[in-house]
């Protein structure tokens, strides 16, 4: 996953709000951004799945 932002952008996923800020592009920054993007995506998916389980439990 790769993301590029030329100005700070605030995003909301459910109750989670986060901001993307651009940095100088170097190979180290690219690698770090890639790792962080993957970690954030995995965390957001886990949070979404947890929320779905909670909602399903409330319906039952």
N, C-alpha and C. Protein backbone atom coordinates (compact mmCIF):
# COMPACT_ATOMS: atom_id res chain seq x y z
N UNK A 1 0.84 -1.16 0.00
CA UNK A 1 0.00 0.00 0.00
C UNK A 1 0.90 1.23 0.00
N UNK A 2 0.54 2.21 -0.80
CA UNK A 2 1.33 3.43 -0.86
C UNK A 2 0.37 4.62 -0.81
N UNK A 3 0.70 5.61 -0.01
CA UNK A 3 -0.13 6.81 0.07
C UNK A 3 0.77 8.03 -0.07
N UNK A 4 0.25 9.02 -0.75
CA UNK A 4 1.00 10.26 -0.95
C UNK A 4 0.07 11.41 -0.60
N UNK A 5 0.57 12.36 0.16
CA UNK A 5 -0.22 13.53 0.52
C UNK A 5 0.66 14.77 0.40
N UNK A 6 0.17 15.79 -0.31
CA UNK A 6 0.96 17.01 -0.40
C UNK A 6 0.54 18.02 0.67
N UNK A 7 -0.55 17.76 1.38
CA UNK A 7 -0.94 18.59 2.52
C UNK A 7 -1.62 17.68 3.54
N UNK A 8 -1.60 18.05 4.81
CA UNK A 8 -2.22 17.20 5.83
C UNK A 8 -3.70 16.97 5.52
N UNK A 9 -4.14 15.76 5.70
CA UNK A 9 -5.53 15.39 5.47
C UNK A 9 -6.02 14.59 6.67
N UNK A 10 -7.15 14.97 7.20
CA UNK A 10 -7.73 14.21 8.30
C UNK A 10 -8.75 13.25 7.72
N UNK A 11 -8.69 11.99 8.16
CA UNK A 11 -9.61 10.96 7.69
C UNK A 11 -10.30 10.35 8.89
N UNK A 12 -11.49 9.85 8.67
CA UNK A 12 -12.22 9.17 9.73
C UNK A 12 -12.65 7.81 9.22
N UNK A 13 -12.41 6.79 10.05
CA UNK A 13 -12.87 5.43 9.79
C UNK A 13 -13.65 5.04 11.03
N UNK A 14 -14.97 5.04 10.92
CA UNK A 14 -15.79 4.78 12.10
C UNK A 14 -15.54 5.86 13.14
N UNK A 15 -15.17 5.44 14.35
CA UNK A 15 -14.88 6.40 15.43
C UNK A 15 -13.40 6.79 15.45
N UNK A 16 -12.60 6.28 14.53
CA UNK A 16 -11.16 6.54 14.50
C UNK A 16 -10.88 7.69 13.54
N UNK A 17 -10.14 8.67 14.00
CA UNK A 17 -9.75 9.80 13.16
C UNK A 17 -8.23 9.87 13.11
N UNK A 18 -7.67 10.06 11.90
CA UNK A 18 -6.22 10.12 11.76
C UNK A 18 -5.85 11.12 10.68
N UNK A 19 -4.60 11.54 10.70
CA UNK A 19 -4.11 12.54 9.77
C UNK A 19 -2.90 11.99 9.02
N UNK A 20 -2.83 12.29 7.73
CA UNK A 20 -1.69 11.89 6.90
C UNK A 20 -0.90 13.16 6.60
N UNK A 21 0.41 13.11 6.88
CA UNK A 21 1.28 14.27 6.68
C UNK A 21 2.44 13.84 5.79
N UNK A 22 2.74 14.62 4.76
CA UNK A 22 3.82 14.31 3.84
C UNK A 22 5.18 14.51 4.51
N UNK A 23 6.18 13.75 4.07
CA UNK A 23 7.55 13.85 4.57
C UNK A 23 8.48 13.83 3.36
N UNK A 24 9.73 14.19 3.57
CA UNK A 24 10.70 14.08 2.48
C UNK A 24 10.79 12.63 2.06
N UNK A 25 10.90 12.39 0.76
CA UNK A 25 10.93 11.02 0.26
C UNK A 25 12.37 10.53 0.15
N UNK A 26 12.67 9.55 0.96
CA UNK A 26 13.96 8.86 0.91
C UNK A 26 13.65 7.37 0.92
N UNK A 27 14.59 6.51 0.55
CA UNK A 27 14.31 5.07 0.61
C UNK A 27 13.89 4.61 2.01
N UNK A 28 14.52 5.18 3.04
CA UNK A 28 14.16 4.81 4.41
C UNK A 28 12.74 5.24 4.74
N UNK A 29 12.37 6.43 4.33
CA UNK A 29 11.02 6.93 4.59
C UNK A 29 10.00 6.08 3.82
N UNK A 30 10.30 5.73 2.59
CA UNK A 30 9.39 4.89 1.80
C UNK A 30 9.16 3.55 2.48
N UNK A 31 10.23 2.93 2.98
CA UNK A 31 10.11 1.63 3.65
C UNK A 31 9.31 1.78 4.95
N UNK A 32 9.63 2.80 5.71
CA UNK A 32 8.91 3.04 6.97
C UNK A 32 7.43 3.31 6.70
N UNK A 33 7.13 4.10 5.68
CA UNK A 33 5.74 4.41 5.32
C UNK A 33 5.01 3.13 4.92
N UNK A 34 5.67 2.29 4.16
CA UNK A 34 5.05 1.04 3.75
C UNK A 34 4.72 0.17 4.96
N UNK A 35 5.68 0.03 5.88
CA UNK A 35 5.43 -0.78 7.09
C UNK A 35 4.31 -0.18 7.92
N UNK A 36 4.32 1.11 8.10
CA UNK A 36 3.28 1.77 8.90
C UNK A 36 1.92 1.64 8.24
N UNK A 37 1.88 1.81 6.93
CA UNK A 37 0.61 1.68 6.20
C UNK A 37 0.02 0.29 6.39
N UNK A 38 0.86 -0.72 6.27
CA UNK A 38 0.39 -2.09 6.46
C UNK A 38 -0.08 -2.32 7.89
N UNK A 39 0.65 -1.78 8.87
CA UNK A 39 0.27 -1.94 10.27
C UNK A 39 -1.05 -1.22 10.56
N UNK A 40 -1.21 -0.02 10.04
CA UNK A 40 -2.44 0.74 10.26
C UNK A 40 -3.62 0.03 9.59
N UNK A 41 -3.42 -0.45 8.37
CA UNK A 41 -4.50 -1.16 7.68
C UNK A 41 -4.92 -2.41 8.46
N UNK A 42 -3.96 -3.16 8.97
CA UNK A 42 -4.27 -4.37 9.75
C UNK A 42 -5.00 -3.99 11.03
N UNK A 43 -4.56 -2.93 11.69
CA UNK A 43 -5.21 -2.49 12.93
C UNK A 43 -6.64 -2.01 12.66
N UNK A 44 -6.83 -1.22 11.60
CA UNK A 44 -8.17 -0.75 11.26
C UNK A 44 -9.10 -1.91 10.93
N UNK A 45 -8.60 -2.91 10.21
CA UNK A 45 -9.41 -4.08 9.90
C UNK A 45 -9.80 -4.82 11.17
N UNK A 46 -8.86 -4.99 12.08
CA UNK A 46 -9.15 -5.67 13.35
C UNK A 46 -10.18 -4.89 14.15
N UNK A 47 -10.07 -3.56 14.18
CA UNK A 47 -11.05 -2.74 14.89
C UNK A 47 -12.42 -2.87 14.25
N UNK A 48 -12.49 -2.86 12.94
CA UNK A 48 -13.76 -2.99 12.23
C UNK A 48 -14.39 -4.35 12.52
N UNK A 49 -13.57 -5.41 12.49
CA UNK A 49 -14.08 -6.75 12.78
C UNK A 49 -14.60 -6.83 14.22
N UNK A 50 -13.87 -6.23 15.16
CA UNK A 50 -14.30 -6.21 16.55
C UNK A 50 -15.63 -5.48 16.69
N UNK A 51 -15.78 -4.36 16.00
CA UNK A 51 -17.03 -3.60 16.02
C UNK A 51 -18.17 -4.42 15.42
N UNK A 52 -17.90 -5.14 14.34
CA UNK A 52 -18.93 -5.97 13.72
C UNK A 52 -19.39 -7.08 14.67
N UNK A 53 -18.43 -7.69 15.37
CA UNK A 53 -18.79 -8.74 16.34
C UNK A 53 -19.62 -8.16 17.48
N UNK A 54 -19.25 -6.96 17.94
CA UNK A 54 -20.00 -6.32 19.01
C UNK A 54 -21.43 -6.03 18.57
N UNK A 55 -21.59 -5.51 17.37
CA UNK A 55 -22.93 -5.21 16.85
C UNK A 55 -23.76 -6.48 16.68
N UNK A 56 -23.13 -7.54 16.19
CA UNK A 56 -23.84 -8.81 16.02
C UNK A 56 -24.29 -9.35 17.37
N UNK A 57 -23.45 -9.23 18.38
CA UNK A 57 -23.79 -9.69 19.73
C UNK A 57 -24.94 -8.87 20.29
N UNK A 58 -24.99 -7.58 20.02
CA UNK A 58 -26.07 -6.73 20.50
C UNK A 58 -27.39 -7.09 19.84
N UNK A 59 -27.37 -7.53 18.59
CA UNK A 59 -28.60 -7.90 17.87
C UNK A 59 -29.16 -9.21 18.38
N UNK A 60 -28.31 -10.06 18.93
CA UNK A 60 -28.77 -11.38 19.39
C UNK A 60 -29.27 -11.36 20.77
